[in-house]
Protein backbone atom coordinates (compact mmCIF):
# COMPACT_ATOMS: atom_id res chain seq x y z
CA MET A 1 0.00 0.00 0.00
CA GLY A 2 1.45 3.35 -1.08
CA ILE A 3 -0.76 5.69 0.97
CA VAL A 4 1.29 6.67 3.97
CA ASN A 5 0.87 7.89 7.51
CA GLN A 6 3.25 8.24 10.43
CA ASP A 7 2.63 4.67 11.56
CA ASN A 8 3.16 2.87 8.25
CA ILE A 9 5.71 5.02 6.38
CA THR A 10 8.68 2.84 7.40
CA ASP A 11 7.01 -0.38 6.23
CA VAL A 12 5.87 1.23 2.97
CA VAL A 13 9.38 2.37 2.09
CA ILE A 14 10.90 -1.01 2.96
CA ALA A 15 8.24 -2.79 0.90
CA SER A 16 9.30 -0.75 -2.16
CA LEU A 17 12.80 -2.24 -2.16
CA GLY A 18 13.43 -4.26 -5.31
CA LYS A 19 9.96 -3.78 -6.74
CA HIS A 20 11.07 -1.98 -9.88
CA GLY A 21 14.67 -3.10 -10.24
CA ASP A 22 16.96 -5.93 -9.23
CA ILE A 23 18.82 -5.58 -5.95
CA THR A 24 21.08 -8.04 -4.16
CA ASP A 25 20.31 -9.60 -0.80
CA ARG A 26 23.06 -7.46 0.70
CA GLN A 27 21.57 -4.28 -0.76
CA ARG A 28 18.19 -5.23 0.69
CA GLU A 29 19.75 -5.96 4.09
CA ILE A 30 21.62 -2.64 4.17
CA MET A 31 18.72 -0.50 2.98
CA THR A 32 16.18 -2.18 5.26
CA SER A 33 18.31 -1.53 8.31
CA LEU A 34 19.20 2.01 7.20
CA ILE A 35 15.55 2.93 6.66
CA LYS A 36 14.48 1.44 10.01
CA HIS A 37 17.23 3.23 11.92
CA MET A 38 16.85 6.56 10.11
CA HIS A 39 13.09 6.60 10.58
CA GLY A 40 13.55 5.53 14.19
CA PHE A 41 16.04 8.36 14.75
CA VAL A 42 13.67 10.95 13.23
CA LYS A 43 10.83 9.77 15.45
CA ASP A 44 13.03 9.49 18.54
CA VAL A 45 14.28 13.09 18.40
CA LYS A 46 11.08 14.43 16.79
CA LEU A 47 13.17 16.00 14.04
CA GLN A 48 11.73 19.25 12.75
CA HIS A 49 11.75 20.27 9.10
CA SER A 50 14.03 23.24 9.77
CA GLU A 51 16.53 20.86 11.41
CA PHE A 52 16.24 18.46 8.46
CA LEU A 53 17.05 21.28 6.02
CA GLU A 54 19.94 22.42 8.20
CA ALA A 55 21.37 18.88 8.08
CA CYS A 56 21.01 18.77 4.27
CA PHE A 57 22.83 22.08 3.86
CA TYR A 58 25.49 20.86 6.30
CA LEU A 59 26.16 17.78 4.17
CA GLU A 60 26.24 19.97 1.07
CA ARG A 61 28.97 22.09 2.66
CA ALA A 62 30.89 18.98 3.66
CA GLY A 63 30.78 17.66 0.11
CA LYS A 64 32.19 20.89 -1.29
CA LEU A 65 35.21 20.57 1.02
CA CYS A 66 36.26 17.18 -0.34
CA ASN A 67 39.33 17.18 -2.57
CA GLU A 68 42.55 15.20 -3.05
CA ASN A 69 43.95 16.66 0.18
CA ARG A 70 40.92 16.45 2.46
CA GLN A 71 38.19 13.81 2.70
CA GLU A 72 35.62 15.55 4.86
CA PHE A 73 33.19 12.65 5.16
CA ILE A 74 35.90 10.33 6.54
CA LEU A 75 36.79 13.09 8.99
CA LEU A 76 33.16 13.44 10.10
CA ALA A 77 32.87 9.66 10.46
CA ASP A 78 36.01 9.70 12.61
CA ILE A 79 34.62 12.38 14.91
CA ILE A 80 31.55 10.28 15.77
CA GLY A 81 33.50 7.02 16.03
CA VAL A 82 31.99 5.41 12.95
CA GLU A 83 35.19 4.64 11.05
CA VAL A 84 36.87 2.96 14.01
CA LEU A 85 33.74 0.85 14.62
CA VAL A 86 33.58 -0.19 10.95
CA ASP A 87 37.29 -1.02 11.09
CA MET A 88 36.89 -3.20 14.20
CA MET A 89 34.03 -5.10 12.59
CA THR A 90 35.89 -5.48 9.29
CA ASN A 91 39.19 -6.55 10.85
CA PRO A 92 38.54 -8.57 14.01
CA VAL A 93 41.69 -9.55 15.89
CA ASP A 94 42.52 -13.23 15.50
CA GLY A 95 45.09 -14.76 17.83
CA ASN A 96 48.29 -12.74 17.94
CA THR A 97 47.69 -10.69 14.79
CA SER A 98 48.20 -6.95 15.03
CA GLU A 99 45.26 -4.66 15.62
CA SER A 100 44.15 -2.24 12.95
CA THR A 101 42.71 1.22 13.34
CA VAL A 102 41.42 4.06 11.17
CA LEU A 103 43.00 5.16 7.90
CA GLY A 104 42.16 8.79 8.57
CA PRO A 105 41.50 11.52 6.01
CA PHE A 106 45.08 12.56 5.15
CA TYR A 107 46.50 9.51 3.36
CA ARG A 108 48.12 10.11 -0.04
CA GLU A 109 48.66 7.40 -2.60
CA ASN A 110 51.99 6.69 -4.27
CA PRO A 111 54.47 8.10 -1.76
CA PRO A 112 58.16 7.79 -2.74
CA VAL A 113 59.67 4.29 -2.65
CA LEU A 114 62.72 4.44 -0.38
CA PRO A 115 65.45 1.93 0.54
CA LYS A 116 65.45 0.29 3.96
CA GLY A 117 66.79 2.66 6.59
CA ALA A 118 66.23 5.81 4.52
CA SER A 119 64.70 9.00 5.86
CA THR A 120 61.28 10.43 5.06
CA ILE A 121 62.39 13.88 6.32
CA GLN A 122 62.56 16.54 3.62
CA LYS A 123 62.22 19.61 5.83
CA HIS A 124 63.68 20.19 9.29
CA TYR A 125 62.17 22.04 12.25
CA GLU A 126 63.83 23.49 15.32
CA ASN A 127 61.65 21.46 17.68
CA GLU A 128 61.94 18.14 15.85
CA GLU A 129 63.15 14.90 17.41
CA THR A 130 64.42 12.48 14.80
CA ALA A 131 63.67 8.81 15.33
CA TYR A 132 64.92 5.51 13.97
CA TYR A 133 61.91 3.22 13.51
CA GLU A 134 62.45 -0.52 13.16
CA GLY A 135 60.94 -3.90 13.82
CA TYR A 136 59.77 -7.11 12.20
CA VAL A 137 56.72 -8.09 10.22
CA ARG A 138 55.90 -11.72 11.00
CA ASP A 139 53.20 -14.26 10.28
CA ALA A 140 51.03 -15.85 12.97
CA GLN A 141 53.64 -18.59 13.47
CA GLY A 142 56.40 -16.06 14.18
CA ASN A 143 58.19 -16.29 10.84
CA GLY A 144 59.56 -13.08 9.35
CA ILE A 145 57.82 -12.10 6.10
CA PRO A 146 60.13 -10.77 3.38
CA GLY A 147 58.97 -8.34 0.70
CA VAL A 148 56.21 -6.71 2.73
CA ILE A 149 55.37 -3.19 1.53
CA MET A 150 55.10 -0.67 4.34
CA ASP A 151 53.51 2.70 3.57
CA VAL A 152 54.15 5.25 6.36
CA TRP A 153 53.11 8.85 6.98
CA GLU A 154 52.85 11.32 9.86
CA ASP A 155 52.36 14.97 10.74
CA ALA A 156 55.31 17.36 10.84
CA PRO A 157 56.66 18.88 14.08
CA ASN A 158 54.35 21.85 13.43
CA GLY A 159 51.38 19.47 13.79
CA ILE A 160 50.34 19.67 10.12
CA TYR A 161 50.36 16.95 7.45
CA GLU A 162 52.28 17.77 4.31
CA ASN A 163 49.20 17.79 2.06
CA LEU A 164 47.60 20.49 4.21
CA ASP A 165 50.70 22.67 4.48
CA PRO A 166 51.93 24.65 1.43
CA ASP A 167 55.26 25.28 3.18
CA GLN A 168 56.21 21.60 3.23
CA PRO A 169 57.78 19.74 0.27
CA GLU A 170 55.64 17.23 -1.60
CA TYR A 171 55.37 13.93 0.31
CA ASN A 172 57.36 15.19 3.28
CA LEU A 173 57.34 12.56 6.06
CA ARG A 174 55.80 9.96 3.76
CA GLY A 175 57.41 6.92 2.19
CA ARG A 176 57.16 3.28 1.16
CA PHE A 177 59.59 0.67 2.42
CA GLU A 178 60.06 -3.06 1.98
CA THR A 179 61.01 -5.64 4.58
CA ASP A 180 64.25 -7.58 4.05
CA GLU A 181 64.66 -11.35 3.81
CA ASN A 182 64.08 -11.65 7.57
CA GLY A 183 60.98 -9.48 7.62
CA HIS A 184 62.86 -6.57 9.17
CA TYR A 185 61.96 -2.96 8.38
CA ALA A 186 63.72 0.30 9.22
CA PHE A 187 63.35 3.97 8.38
CA ILE A 188 64.10 7.39 9.81
CA ALA A 189 61.39 9.95 10.50
CA VAL A 190 60.47 12.30 13.33
CA ARG A 191 58.67 11.79 16.59
CA PRO A 192 55.01 12.57 15.78
CA VAL A 193 53.42 15.35 17.79
CA PRO A 194 49.84 15.76 19.01
CA TYR A 195 47.74 17.92 16.73
CA PRO A 196 44.18 19.16 16.31
CA ILE A 197 42.17 17.71 13.46
CA PRO A 198 40.76 20.45 11.22
CA GLU A 199 38.21 22.33 13.34
CA ASP A 200 37.18 24.77 10.66
CA GLU A 201 34.19 24.25 8.41
CA THR A 202 31.92 21.24 8.94
CA ALA A 203 34.34 19.18 11.08
CA GLY A 204 34.57 22.05 13.56
CA GLU A 205 30.81 22.52 13.52
CA LEU A 206 30.33 18.89 14.47
CA LEU A 207 32.95 19.02 17.23
CA ARG A 208 31.33 22.10 18.73
CA PHE A 209 27.85 20.57 18.45
CA MET A 210 29.17 17.56 20.39
CA GLY A 211 31.09 19.69 22.89
CA HIS A 212 34.24 17.72 22.09
CA HIS A 213 37.86 18.79 21.54
CA PRO A 214 39.79 18.32 18.25
CA ASN A 215 43.06 16.87 19.56
CA ARG A 216 44.81 13.65 18.60
CA PRO A 217 47.83 12.04 20.29
CA GLY A 218 51.09 11.74 18.38
CA HIS A 219 51.09 8.75 16.04
CA MET A 220 52.69 7.20 12.97
CA HIS A 221 50.44 5.76 10.25
CA PHE A 222 51.15 2.41 8.58
CA ILE A 223 49.65 0.46 5.70
CA ILE A 224 51.32 -2.95 5.62
CA SER A 225 50.60 -5.30 2.74
CA LYS A 226 51.76 -8.35 0.82
CA ASP A 227 49.90 -10.78 -1.44
CA GLY A 228 48.60 -13.70 0.58
CA TYR A 229 48.07 -11.69 3.77
CA ARG A 230 45.27 -9.46 5.01
CA PRO A 231 46.39 -5.83 4.59
CA LEU A 232 46.91 -4.02 7.88
CA ILE A 233 45.98 -0.35 8.26
CA THR A 234 47.06 0.91 11.64
CA GLN A 235 48.65 3.65 13.73
CA ILE A 236 51.32 3.42 16.42
CA TYR A 237 51.00 5.90 19.30
CA ASP A 238 53.62 7.61 21.42
CA ALA A 239 53.23 6.35 24.99
CA ASP A 240 54.24 9.77 26.35
CA SER A 241 51.88 11.77 24.18
CA GLU A 242 48.98 13.86 25.39
CA TRP A 243 45.42 12.84 24.48
CA LEU A 244 45.98 9.06 24.54
CA GLU A 245 43.03 8.68 26.93
CA ASN A 246 40.83 11.19 25.10
CA ASP A 247 41.51 10.90 21.37
CA SER A 248 39.17 13.06 19.30
CA VAL A 249 38.53 10.19 16.86
CA PHE A 250 38.50 7.33 19.41
CA ALA A 251 41.17 5.31 17.55
CA VAL A 252 43.72 4.50 20.29
CA LYS A 253 44.08 0.82 21.30
CA GLU A 254 46.36 -0.49 24.04
CA SER A 255 48.37 -2.76 21.74
CA LEU A 256 49.19 0.16 19.44
CA ILE A 257 51.02 2.24 22.07
CA GLY A 258 54.82 2.19 22.01
CA LYS A 259 57.70 3.88 23.77
CA PHE A 260 60.35 6.12 22.24
CA MET A 261 63.78 5.46 23.73
CA PRO A 262 67.11 7.35 23.45
CA ALA A 263 68.91 6.21 20.32
CA ASN A 264 72.38 4.71 20.17
CA ALA A 265 75.06 6.47 18.15
CA GLU A 266 74.72 3.87 15.39
CA HIS A 267 71.16 4.99 14.66
CA GLY A 268 72.16 8.59 13.93
CA THR A 269 68.91 9.94 15.42
CA ASP A 270 67.67 11.38 18.69
CA LEU A 271 65.31 8.52 19.45
CA HIS A 272 64.79 4.83 18.74
CA PHE A 273 61.36 3.21 18.32
CA GLN A 274 60.75 -0.51 17.94
CA HIS A 275 57.47 -2.16 17.05
CA ASN A 276 56.70 -5.55 15.52
CA PHE A 277 53.67 -6.44 13.42
CA VAL A 278 51.91 -9.76 12.85
CA LEU A 279 49.91 -10.25 9.65
CA GLN A 280 47.05 -12.67 9.23
CA ASP A 281 47.20 -15.18 6.41
CA GLU A 282 44.59 -14.46 3.74
CA ALA A 283 43.57 -18.12 3.66
CA ALA A 284 42.81 -17.97 7.40
CA VAL A 285 40.69 -14.85 6.88
CA SER A 286 38.72 -16.57 4.08
CA SER A 287 38.22 -19.66 6.25
CA VAL A 288 36.78 -17.63 9.14
CA ALA A 289 34.52 -15.66 6.79
CA ALA A 290 33.11 -18.89 5.34
CA GLU A 291 32.13 -20.27 8.75
């Protein structure tokens, strides 16, 4: 029945799914749940038409902000904890495999490919602390995995990512590295500093509406991948950083916190940071998904 009232509108919309075009079972599942929850939200808060229009104009403004340097919708999803929840559901921890966390809105594809032990630093700052990062990428049985591609990026000592800062060189503090025959990786970068996520425009509006702060603890981003293994998107946090207990995007996990130590002379940096990663075999992931 297409004639609607406040009591039957949800059922009428759900009943329309797939009536005039083919949809998959997954599409039906997603849309049914979305409609139920959206209608339930509208009824729960008694949403007024002026508030509905304000939300539409808000999303319009967010869309206009999206470009190759800023993905506003990912940022908004981070602020309300949606991306980290999706990530946890997509990448459940199995055994001793490393935990993932959010990609974030500032990733750039195709950073420079650098040799093991090279530096990502293209611009220096007075307050910087250089750091030698190293560790092993292993499988669930503890074997080092050679040929793993590790994509890394971080904010500069001024708290700004390179793609948001016209005063930084292209791809500053970004790079791709490969593990050696033992699964060992190494590179030089800086100690990441806490920074506020963009609080202008729609991200700032949402933060202020929530009464929340914009700050993130210092962290290094990693994308770790090799054929045959589940890709790992994660961040490693500075144990001595502010905001670990109150991250603005709710992405900190206990296993992802590490300690910077004074470096030895052989490292040629101020600090030394060690962290190992464990990747899950793709066959194991497929087996769990099939159960």
